[in-house]
């Protein structure tokens, strides 16, 4: 169900699903009831205890939405769709002060962010974020925008986890497109394994995180090369896997450091 999963600080978890978890998107022609069932199974596997992952209507932009929960800590009006709805925001990044978050991809770069809060959030309280960084999102700075929003919420000691995405050796693009994106994010410029123009989106995201002073804790492999992951380039009629971040409120102790530890159940 998970290609990678870790408790990255006490009571804070980061994970990336794989094809064993099934398609998690409602916009790809799948049976909506089956998608909702899979989402429920994922929430059960994560131990959310009645809470729900929040999903976005992703549009390859750079808008960031702040997600707030209900007074009792549960997710109010939990979303059941990723087509435009009132409860699933149209954005390409979300941040929260503890609400479980999800970002869906099938070649784009899924980014998970965790920071330790301050001020009104309480010293060391976890601040969470996710970002969907495809080619337009990398060029328009969705990841730096998400980092900036976390800092507006008082987050410090921010760390990032980059999930599986298409690599520069595989992502072939027209020469003009490579030039346009690399003019904005130079680290994306690359040549594919076939000697053709390419874009290295994970490298671009890494460069943006470094410039923002964010520590990179993990970077996943290539979706096109790994058949246990969904890849739009491999098959345009494909599903979406997810990058996830959530908390166990009973275990979050306010420790300010962020340390990744592999979960023995990863990949199961």
C-alpha atoms as a PDB file:
ATOM      1  CA  UNK A   1       0.000   0.000   0.000  1.00  0.00           C
ATOM      2  CA  UNK A   2       2.918   2.350   0.760  1.00  0.00           C
ATOM      3  CA  UNK A   3       6.025   2.718  -1.389  1.00  0.00           C
ATOM      4  CA  UNK A   4       7.592   4.599   1.547  1.00  0.00           C
ATOM      5  CA  UNK A   5       6.350   5.450   5.019  1.00  0.00           C
ATOM      6  CA  UNK A   6       8.048   6.903   8.087  1.00  0.00           C
ATOM      7  CA  UNK A   7       7.336   8.486  11.443  1.00  0.00           C
ATOM      8  CA  UNK A   8       9.397  11.604  10.798  1.00  0.00           C
ATOM      9  CA  UNK A   9       9.083  13.006  14.307  1.00  0.00           C
ATOM     10  CA  UNK A  10       7.078  11.797  17.306  1.00  0.00           C
ATOM     11  CA  UNK A  11       3.490  11.447  16.161  1.00  0.00           C
ATOM     12  CA  UNK A  12       4.025  12.870  12.650  1.00  0.00           C
ATOM     13  CA  UNK A  13       3.907  10.521   9.664  1.00  0.00           C
ATOM     14  CA  UNK A  14       4.809  10.915   5.985  1.00  0.00           C
ATOM     15  CA  UNK A  15       3.981   8.326   3.331  1.00  0.00           C
ATOM     16  CA  UNK A  16       3.667   7.774  -0.408  1.00  0.00           C
ATOM     17  CA  UNK A  17       1.266   5.165  -1.719  1.00  0.00           C
ATOM     18  CA  UNK A  18       1.744   2.804  -4.665  1.00  0.00           C
ATOM     19  CA  UNK A  19      -0.495   0.847  -7.020  1.00  0.00           C
ATOM     20  CA  UNK A  20      -1.333  -1.618  -4.241  1.00  0.00           C
ATOM     21  CA  UNK A  21      -3.386   1.158  -2.621  1.00  0.00           C
ATOM     22  CA  UNK A  22      -5.214   1.617  -5.929  1.00  0.00           C
ATOM     23  CA  UNK A  23      -6.235   4.740  -7.754  1.00  0.00           C
ATOM     24  CA  UNK A  24      -7.155   7.542  -5.330  1.00  0.00           C
ATOM     25  CA  UNK A  25      -8.430  10.085  -7.875  1.00  0.00           C
ATOM     26  CA  UNK A  26     -12.020  10.732  -8.874  1.00  0.00           C
ATOM     27  CA  UNK A  27     -11.232  12.603 -12.093  1.00  0.00           C
ATOM     28  CA  UNK A  28      -9.770   9.725 -14.141  1.00  0.00           C
ATOM     29  CA  UNK A  29     -12.963   7.827 -15.010  1.00  0.00           C
ATOM     30  CA  UNK A  30     -12.801   5.350 -12.122  1.00  0.00           C
ATOM     31  CA  UNK A  31     -15.870   4.193 -10.177  1.00  0.00           C
ATOM     32  CA  UNK A  32     -16.394   6.920  -7.519  1.00  0.00           C
ATOM     33  CA  UNK A  33     -17.638   4.400  -4.960  1.00  0.00           C
ATOM     34  CA  UNK A  34     -14.478   2.333  -5.395  1.00  0.00           C
ATOM     35  CA  UNK A  35     -12.263   5.406  -5.073  1.00  0.00           C
ATOM     36  CA  UNK A  36     -13.983   6.408  -1.841  1.00  0.00           C
ATOM     37  CA  UNK A  37     -13.629   2.856  -0.541  1.00  0.00           C
ATOM     38  CA  UNK A  38      -9.884   2.920  -1.259  1.00  0.00           C
ATOM     39  CA  UNK A  39      -9.535   6.304   0.426  1.00  0.00           C
ATOM     40  CA  UNK A  40     -11.292   4.895   3.481  1.00  0.00           C
ATOM     41  CA  UNK A  41      -8.991   1.884   3.566  1.00  0.00           C
ATOM     42  CA  UNK A  42      -5.998   4.201   3.318  1.00  0.00           C
ATOM     43  CA  UNK A  43      -7.246   6.276   6.240  1.00  0.00           C
ATOM     44  CA  UNK A  44      -7.722   3.099   8.242  1.00  0.00           C
ATOM     45  CA  UNK A  45      -4.200   1.908   7.396  1.00  0.00           C
ATOM     46  CA  UNK A  46      -2.835   5.275   8.498  1.00  0.00           C
ATOM     47  CA  UNK A  47      -4.712   5.036  11.792  1.00  0.00           C
ATOM     48  CA  UNK A  48      -6.633   8.284  11.377  1.00  0.00           C
ATOM     49  CA  UNK A  49      -9.363   7.121  13.768  1.00  0.00           C
ATOM     50  CA  UNK A  50     -12.277   8.830  12.043  1.00  0.00           C
ATOM     51  CA  UNK A  51     -10.339  11.760  10.598  1.00  0.00           C
ATOM     52  CA  UNK A  52      -9.942  12.178   6.835  1.00  0.00           C
ATOM     53  CA  UNK A  53      -7.212  13.138   4.405  1.00  0.00           C
ATOM     54  CA  UNK A  54      -7.914  16.450   2.695  1.00  0.00           C
ATOM     55  CA  UNK A  55      -7.557  16.430  -1.097  1.00  0.00           C
ATOM     56  CA  UNK A  56      -7.267  19.293  -3.596  1.00  0.00           C
ATOM     57  CA  UNK A  57      -8.676  20.155  -6.998  1.00  0.00           C
ATOM     58  CA  UNK A  58      -5.197  20.355  -8.565  1.00  0.00           C
ATOM     59  CA  UNK A  59      -4.876  22.697 -11.551  1.00  0.00           C
ATOM     60  CA  UNK A  60      -1.092  23.072 -12.098  1.00  0.00           C
ATOM     61  CA  UNK A  61      -1.002  26.483 -10.447  1.00  0.00           C
ATOM     62  CA  UNK A  62       0.739  27.985  -7.437  1.00  0.00           C
ATOM     63  CA  UNK A  63      -2.152  28.754  -5.079  1.00  0.00           C
ATOM     64  CA  UNK A  64      -1.786  27.624  -1.460  1.00  0.00           C
ATOM     65  CA  UNK A  65      -4.784  26.917   0.791  1.00  0.00           C
ATOM     66  CA  UNK A  66      -4.734  26.799   4.580  1.00  0.00           C
ATOM     67  CA  UNK A  67      -6.875  23.957   5.943  1.00  0.00           C
ATOM     68  CA  UNK A  68      -8.523  24.351   9.337  1.00  0.00           C
ATOM     69  CA  UNK A  69     -10.212  21.595  11.317  1.00  0.00           C
ATOM     70  CA  UNK A  70     -13.216  21.620  13.579  1.00  0.00           C
ATOM     71  CA  UNK A  71     -13.030  22.516  17.245  1.00  0.00           C
ATOM     72  CA  UNK A  72     -12.728  18.873  18.327  1.00  0.00           C
ATOM     73  CA  UNK A  73      -9.766  18.302  16.017  1.00  0.00           C
ATOM     74  CA  UNK A  74     -11.659  16.310  13.401  1.00  0.00           C
ATOM     75  CA  UNK A  75     -11.899  17.326   9.765  1.00  0.00           C
ATOM     76  CA  UNK A  76     -15.060  19.280   9.130  1.00  0.00           C
ATOM     77  CA  UNK A  77     -17.011  18.425   5.965  1.00  0.00           C
ATOM     78  CA  UNK A  78     -14.507  15.781   4.862  1.00  0.00           C
ATOM     79  CA  UNK A  79     -14.130  15.904   1.072  1.00  0.00           C
ATOM     80  CA  UNK A  80     -15.294  12.993  -1.045  1.00  0.00           C
ATOM     81  CA  UNK A  81     -14.263  14.328  -4.465  1.00  0.00           C
ATOM     82  CA  UNK A  82     -11.459  16.023  -6.309  1.00  0.00           C
ATOM     83  CA  UNK A  83     -13.711  17.565  -8.917  1.00  0.00           C
ATOM     84  CA  UNK A  84     -14.551  21.191  -7.996  1.00  0.00           C
ATOM     85  CA  UNK A  85     -16.497  21.167  -4.729  1.00  0.00           C
ATOM     86  CA  UNK A  86     -16.902  23.487  -1.790  1.00  0.00           C
ATOM     87  CA  UNK A  87     -14.935  21.180   0.508  1.00  0.00           C
ATOM     88  CA  UNK A  88     -12.006  20.283  -1.783  1.00  0.00           C
ATOM     89  CA  UNK A  89     -10.146  23.527  -2.487  1.00  0.00           C
ATOM     90  CA  UNK A  90      -8.869  24.413  -5.937  1.00  0.00           C
ATOM     91  CA  UNK A  91      -5.164  24.765  -5.240  1.00  0.00           C
ATOM     92  CA  UNK A  92      -1.839  23.022  -5.753  1.00  0.00           C
ATOM     93  CA  UNK A  93      -0.612  23.252  -2.171  1.00  0.00           C
ATOM     94  CA  UNK A  94      -2.199  22.994   1.260  1.00  0.00           C
ATOM     95  CA  UNK A  95      -0.941  23.677   4.767  1.00  0.00           C
ATOM     96  CA  UNK A  96      -2.472  22.900   8.136  1.00  0.00           C
ATOM     97  CA  UNK A  97      -1.771  22.941  11.843  1.00  0.00           C
ATOM     98  CA  UNK A  98      -2.307  19.197  12.058  1.00  0.00           C
ATOM     99  CA  UNK A  99      -5.105  18.281   9.638  1.00  0.00           C
ATOM    100  CA  UNK A 100      -4.185  15.217   7.499  1.00  0.00           C
ATOM    101  CA  UNK A 101      -3.255  16.255   3.949  1.00  0.00           C
ATOM    102  CA  UNK A 102      -2.930  14.461   0.598  1.00  0.00           C
ATOM    103  CA  UNK A 103      -1.476  15.347  -2.799  1.00  0.00           C
ATOM    104  CA  UNK A 104      -2.081  13.144  -5.868  1.00  0.00           C
ATOM    105  CA  UNK A 105       0.294  12.563  -8.778  1.00  0.00           C
ATOM    106  CA  UNK A 106       1.226  10.209 -11.599  1.00  0.00           C
ATOM    107  CA  UNK A 107       4.592  11.706 -12.744  1.00  0.00           C
ATOM    108  CA  UNK A 108       4.451  15.204 -11.205  1.00  0.00           C
ATOM    109  CA  UNK A 109       6.486  15.800  -8.045  1.00  0.00           C
ATOM    110  CA  UNK A 110       4.610  15.262  -4.753  1.00  0.00           C
ATOM    111  CA  UNK A 111       6.190  17.296  -1.953  1.00  0.00           C
ATOM    112  CA  UNK A 112       5.446  16.877   1.756  1.00  0.00           C
ATOM    113  CA  UNK A 113       6.555  19.504   4.256  1.00  0.00           C
ATOM    114  CA  UNK A 114       6.734  19.376   8.057  1.00  0.00           C
ATOM    115  CA  UNK A 115       7.732  22.244  10.309  1.00  0.00           C
ATOM    116  CA  UNK A 116       7.743  22.911  14.029  1.00  0.00           C
ATOM    117  CA  UNK A 117       5.354  25.707  14.958  1.00  0.00           C
ATOM    118  CA  UNK A 118       5.780  28.646  17.258  1.00  0.00           C
ATOM    119  CA  UNK A 119       3.697  31.470  18.633  1.00  0.00           C
ATOM    120  CA  UNK A 120      -0.044  30.784  18.607  1.00  0.00           C
ATOM    121  CA  UNK A 121       0.540  27.212  17.430  1.00  0.00           C
ATOM    122  CA  UNK A 122       2.656  26.406  20.449  1.00  0.00           C
ATOM    123  CA  UNK A 123       6.395  25.848  20.456  1.00  0.00           C
ATOM    124  CA  UNK A 124       7.222  22.728  18.454  1.00  0.00           C
ATOM    125  CA  UNK A 125       3.625  21.976  17.407  1.00  0.00           C
ATOM    126  CA  UNK A 126       3.644  20.319  13.951  1.00  0.00           C
ATOM    127  CA  UNK A 127       2.742  22.385  10.900  1.00  0.00           C
ATOM    128  CA  UNK A 128       2.061  20.284   7.799  1.00  0.00           C
ATOM    129  CA  UNK A 129       2.100  20.969   4.070  1.00  0.00           C
ATOM    130  CA  UNK A 130       1.788  19.266   0.685  1.00  0.00           C
ATOM    131  CA  UNK A 131       2.454  20.550  -2.825  1.00  0.00           C
ATOM    132  CA  UNK A 132       1.757  19.310  -6.364  1.00  0.00           C
ATOM    133  CA  UNK A 133       4.751  20.327  -8.484  1.00  0.00           C
ATOM    134  CA  UNK A 134       4.328  19.508 -12.151  1.00  0.00           C
ATOM    135  CA  UNK A 135       6.141  21.401 -14.857  1.00  0.00           C
ATOM    136  CA  UNK A 136       3.912  24.519 -14.555  1.00  0.00           C
ATOM    137  CA  UNK A 137       3.988  24.344 -10.765  1.00  0.00           C
ATOM    138  CA  UNK A 138       7.768  24.146 -10.601  1.00  0.00           C
ATOM    139  CA  UNK A 139       8.051  27.098 -12.966  1.00  0.00           C
ATOM    140  CA  UNK A 140       5.492  29.170 -11.051  1.00  0.00           C
ATOM    141  CA  UNK A 141       7.021  28.423  -7.640  1.00  0.00           C
ATOM    142  CA  UNK A 142       4.316  26.412  -5.903  1.00  0.00           C
ATOM    143  CA  UNK A 143       6.841  24.790  -3.549  1.00  0.00           C
ATOM    144  CA  UNK A 144       8.419  28.083  -2.367  1.00  0.00           C
ATOM    145  CA  UNK A 145       4.890  29.448  -1.962  1.00  0.00           C
ATOM    146  CA  UNK A 146       3.961  26.523   0.301  1.00  0.00           C
ATOM    147  CA  UNK A 147       7.126  27.004   2.356  1.00  0.00           C
ATOM    148  CA  UNK A 148       6.326  30.702   2.726  1.00  0.00           C
ATOM    149  CA  UNK A 149       2.809  29.902   3.949  1.00  0.00           C
ATOM    150  CA  UNK A 150       4.205  27.470   6.536  1.00  0.00           C
ATOM    151  CA  UNK A 151       6.465  30.226   7.809  1.00  0.00           C
ATOM    152  CA  UNK A 152       3.511  32.615   7.963  1.00  0.00           C
ATOM    153  CA  UNK A 153       1.946  30.089  10.332  1.00  0.00           C
ATOM    154  CA  UNK A 154       5.045  30.284  12.502  1.00  0.00           C
ATOM    155  CA  UNK A 155       6.774  27.138  11.297  1.00  0.00           C
ATOM    156  CA  UNK A 156      10.489  26.755  11.728  1.00  0.00           C
ATOM    157  CA  UNK A 157      12.852  23.792  11.236  1.00  0.00           C
ATOM    158  CA  UNK A 158      11.042  22.876   8.020  1.00  0.00           C
ATOM    159  CA  UNK A 159      11.942  19.589   6.344  1.00  0.00           C
ATOM    160  CA  UNK A 160      10.734  18.159   3.036  1.00  0.00           C
ATOM    161  CA  UNK A 161      10.075  14.749   1.513  1.00  0.00           C
ATOM    162  CA  UNK A 162       9.945  14.446  -2.282  1.00  0.00           C
ATOM    163  CA  UNK A 163       7.932  11.478  -3.475  1.00  0.00           C
ATOM    164  CA  UNK A 164       8.401   9.406  -6.618  1.00  0.00           C
ATOM    165  CA  UNK A 165       8.086  11.347  -9.886  1.00  0.00           C
ATOM    166  CA  UNK A 166       9.347  11.146 -13.441  1.00  0.00           C
ATOM    167  CA  UNK A 167      13.118  11.652 -13.577  1.00  0.00           C
ATOM    168  CA  UNK A 168      15.145  13.812 -15.911  1.00  0.00           C
ATOM    169  CA  UNK A 169      16.467  10.794 -17.796  1.00  0.00           C
ATOM    170  CA  UNK A 170      12.877   9.939 -18.783  1.00  0.00           C
ATOM    171  CA  UNK A 171      11.053  13.264 -19.084  1.00  0.00           C
ATOM    172  CA  UNK A 172      11.530  14.301 -22.704  1.00  0.00           C
ATOM    173  CA  UNK A 173      10.194  17.733 -23.728  1.00  0.00           C
ATOM    174  CA  UNK A 174      10.557  20.065 -26.739  1.00  0.00           C
ATOM    175  CA  UNK A 175      13.718  22.169 -26.783  1.00  0.00           C
ATOM    176  CA  UNK A 176      11.731  25.382 -26.396  1.00  0.00           C
ATOM    177  CA  UNK A 177       9.915  24.085 -23.313  1.00  0.00           C
ATOM    178  CA  UNK A 178      13.192  23.059 -21.699  1.00  0.00           C
ATOM    179  CA  UNK A 179      14.597  26.517 -22.357  1.00  0.00           C
ATOM    180  CA  UNK A 180      11.520  28.290 -20.962  1.00  0.00           C
ATOM    181  CA  UNK A 181      11.402  26.315 -17.709  1.00  0.00           C
ATOM    182  CA  UNK A 182      15.180  26.321 -17.191  1.00  0.00           C
ATOM    183  CA  UNK A 183      15.240  30.090 -17.632  1.00  0.00           C
ATOM    184  CA  UNK A 184      13.158  30.268 -14.443  1.00  0.00           C
ATOM    185  CA  UNK A 185      14.537  27.214 -12.569  1.00  0.00           C
ATOM    186  CA  UNK A 186      18.008  26.440 -14.000  1.00  0.00           C
ATOM    187  CA  UNK A 187      18.349  23.129 -12.147  1.00  0.00           C
ATOM    188  CA  UNK A 188      15.606  21.597 -14.303  1.00  0.00           C
ATOM    189  CA  UNK A 189      17.732  21.701 -17.493  1.00  0.00           C
ATOM    190  CA  UNK A 190      18.823  18.206 -18.509  1.00  0.00           C
ATOM    191  CA  UNK A 191      19.296  15.743 -21.338  1.00  0.00           C
ATOM    192  CA  UNK A 192      17.367  12.470 -21.316  1.00  0.00           C
ATOM    193  CA  UNK A 193      18.927   9.034 -21.556  1.00  0.00           C
ATOM    194  CA  UNK A 194      18.096   9.162 -25.279  1.00  0.00           C
ATOM    195  CA  UNK A 195      20.119  12.342 -25.747  1.00  0.00           C
ATOM    196  CA  UNK A 196      17.026  14.515 -26.231  1.00  0.00           C
ATOM    197  CA  UNK A 197      15.956  17.688 -24.384  1.00  0.00           C
ATOM    198  CA  UNK A 198      14.563  16.944 -20.939  1.00  0.00           C
ATOM    199  CA  UNK A 199      13.418  18.479 -17.695  1.00  0.00           C
ATOM    200  CA  UNK A 200      14.533  17.259 -14.291  1.00  0.00           C
ATOM    201  CA  UNK A 201      11.624  18.411 -12.145  1.00  0.00           C
ATOM    202  CA  UNK A 202      12.861  16.727  -8.918  1.00  0.00           C
ATOM    203  CA  UNK A 203      16.171  18.568  -9.292  1.00  0.00           C
ATOM    204  CA  UNK A 204      14.255  21.799  -9.764  1.00  0.00           C
ATOM    205  CA  UNK A 205      12.260  21.205  -6.600  1.00  0.00           C
ATOM    206  CA  UNK A 206      15.413  20.320  -4.671  1.00  0.00           C
ATOM    207  CA  UNK A 207      17.001  23.588  -5.778  1.00  0.00           C
ATOM    208  CA  UNK A 208      13.939  25.552  -4.653  1.00  0.00           C
ATOM    209  CA  UNK A 209      13.928  23.844  -1.262  1.00  0.00           C
ATOM    210  CA  UNK A 210      17.631  24.540  -0.812  1.00  0.00           C
ATOM    211  CA  UNK A 211      17.149  28.207  -1.699  1.00  0.00           C
ATOM    212  CA  UNK A 212      14.330  28.405   0.848  1.00  0.00           C
ATOM    213  CA  UNK A 213      16.482  26.907   3.603  1.00  0.00           C
ATOM    214  CA  UNK A 214      14.454  23.684   3.819  1.00  0.00           C
ATOM    215  CA  UNK A 215      16.172  20.396   4.670  1.00  0.00           C
ATOM    216  CA  UNK A 216      15.503  17.531   2.247  1.00  0.00           C
ATOM    217  CA  UNK A 217      15.001  14.257   4.118  1.00  0.00           C
ATOM    218  CA  UNK A 218      13.971  11.875   1.321  1.00  0.00           C
ATOM    219  CA  UNK A 219      13.644  11.778  -2.466  1.00  0.00           C
ATOM    220  CA  UNK A 220      11.829   8.941  -4.238  1.00  0.00           C
ATOM    221  CA  UNK A 221      12.522   7.152  -7.496  1.00  0.00           C
ATOM    222  CA  UNK A 222      11.170   7.460 -11.039  1.00  0.00           C
ATOM    223  CA  UNK A 223       7.498   6.741 -11.701  1.00  0.00           C
ATOM    224  CA  UNK A 224       8.072   5.821 -15.343  1.00  0.00           C
ATOM    225  CA  UNK A 225      10.735   3.256 -14.438  1.00  0.00           C
ATOM    226  CA  UNK A 226       8.850   1.709 -11.491  1.00  0.00           C
ATOM    227  CA  UNK A 227       5.745  -0.268 -12.499  1.00  0.00           C
ATOM    228  CA  UNK A 228       4.527  -0.339  -8.899  1.00  0.00           C
ATOM    229  CA  UNK A 229       3.688   3.366  -9.337  1.00  0.00           C
ATOM    230  CA  UNK A 230       1.206   5.127 -11.591  1.00  0.00           C
ATOM    231  CA  UNK A 231       2.775   6.994 -14.531  1.00  0.00           C
ATOM    232  CA  UNK A 232       0.871   9.167 -16.987  1.00  0.00           C
ATOM    233  CA  UNK A 233       3.776   8.989 -19.437  1.00  0.00           C
ATOM    234  CA  UNK A 234       3.660   5.181 -19.377  1.00  0.00           C
ATOM    235  CA  UNK A 235      -0.136   5.071 -19.738  1.00  0.00           C
ATOM    236  CA  UNK A 236      -2.303   8.178 -20.083  1.00  0.00           C
ATOM    237  CA  UNK A 237      -5.317   6.155 -18.840  1.00  0.00           C
ATOM    238  CA  UNK A 238      -3.886   5.661 -15.388  1.00  0.00           C
ATOM    239  CA  UNK A 239      -4.687   6.309 -11.743  1.00  0.00           C
ATOM    240  CA  UNK A 240      -3.051   8.553  -9.175  1.00  0.00           C
ATOM    241  CA  UNK A 241      -1.037   7.705  -6.086  1.00  0.00           C
ATOM    242  CA  UNK A 242      -0.709  10.040  -3.123  1.00  0.00           C
ATOM    243  CA  UNK A 243       1.781  11.806  -0.921  1.00  0.00           C
ATOM    244  CA  UNK A 244       0.422  11.967   2.631  1.00  0.00           C
ATOM    245  CA  UNK A 245       1.182  13.675   5.919  1.00  0.00           C
ATOM    246  CA  UNK A 246      -0.733  13.230   9.168  1.00  0.00           C
ATOM    247  CA  UNK A 247      -0.382  13.330  12.925  1.00  0.00           C
ATOM    248  CA  UNK A 248      -1.190  11.122  15.853  1.00  0.00           C
ATOM    249  CA  UNK A 249      -2.284  13.844  18.309  1.00  0.00           C
ATOM    250  CA  UNK A 250      -1.695  11.543  21.272  1.00  0.00           C
ATOM    251  CA  UNK A 251       1.987  11.267  20.364  1.00  0.00           C
ATOM    252  CA  UNK A 252       2.969  14.734  19.129  1.00  0.00           C
ATOM    253  CA  UNK A 253       5.113  16.053  21.929  1.00  0.00           C
ATOM    254  CA  UNK A 254       6.305  19.379  20.510  1.00  0.00           C
ATOM    255  CA  UNK A 255       9.873  18.220  19.873  1.00  0.00           C
ATOM    256  CA  UNK A 256      11.400  20.810  17.518  1.00  0.00           C
ATOM    257  CA  UNK A 257      13.596  18.503  15.457  1.00  0.00           C
ATOM    258  CA  UNK A 258      12.432  16.529  12.425  1.00  0.00           C
ATOM    259  CA  UNK A 259      14.063  13.136  11.963  1.00  0.00           C
ATOM    260  CA  UNK A 260      12.973  10.507   9.454  1.00  0.00           C
ATOM    261  CA  UNK A 261      12.770   6.896  10.545  1.00  0.00           C
ATOM    262  CA  UNK A 262      11.785   4.141   8.132  1.00  0.00           C
ATOM    263  CA  UNK A 263       8.622   2.250   8.998  1.00  0.00           C
ATOM    264  CA  UNK A 264       9.160  -1.541   8.914  1.00  0.00           C
ATOM    265  CA  UNK A 265       5.792  -1.757   7.141  1.00  0.00           C
ATOM    266  CA  UNK A 266       6.883   0.402   4.224  1.00  0.00           C
ATOM    267  CA  UNK A 267       6.089  -1.139   0.879  1.00  0.00           C
ATOM    268  CA  UNK A 268       3.496  -3.549   2.279  1.00  0.00           C
END
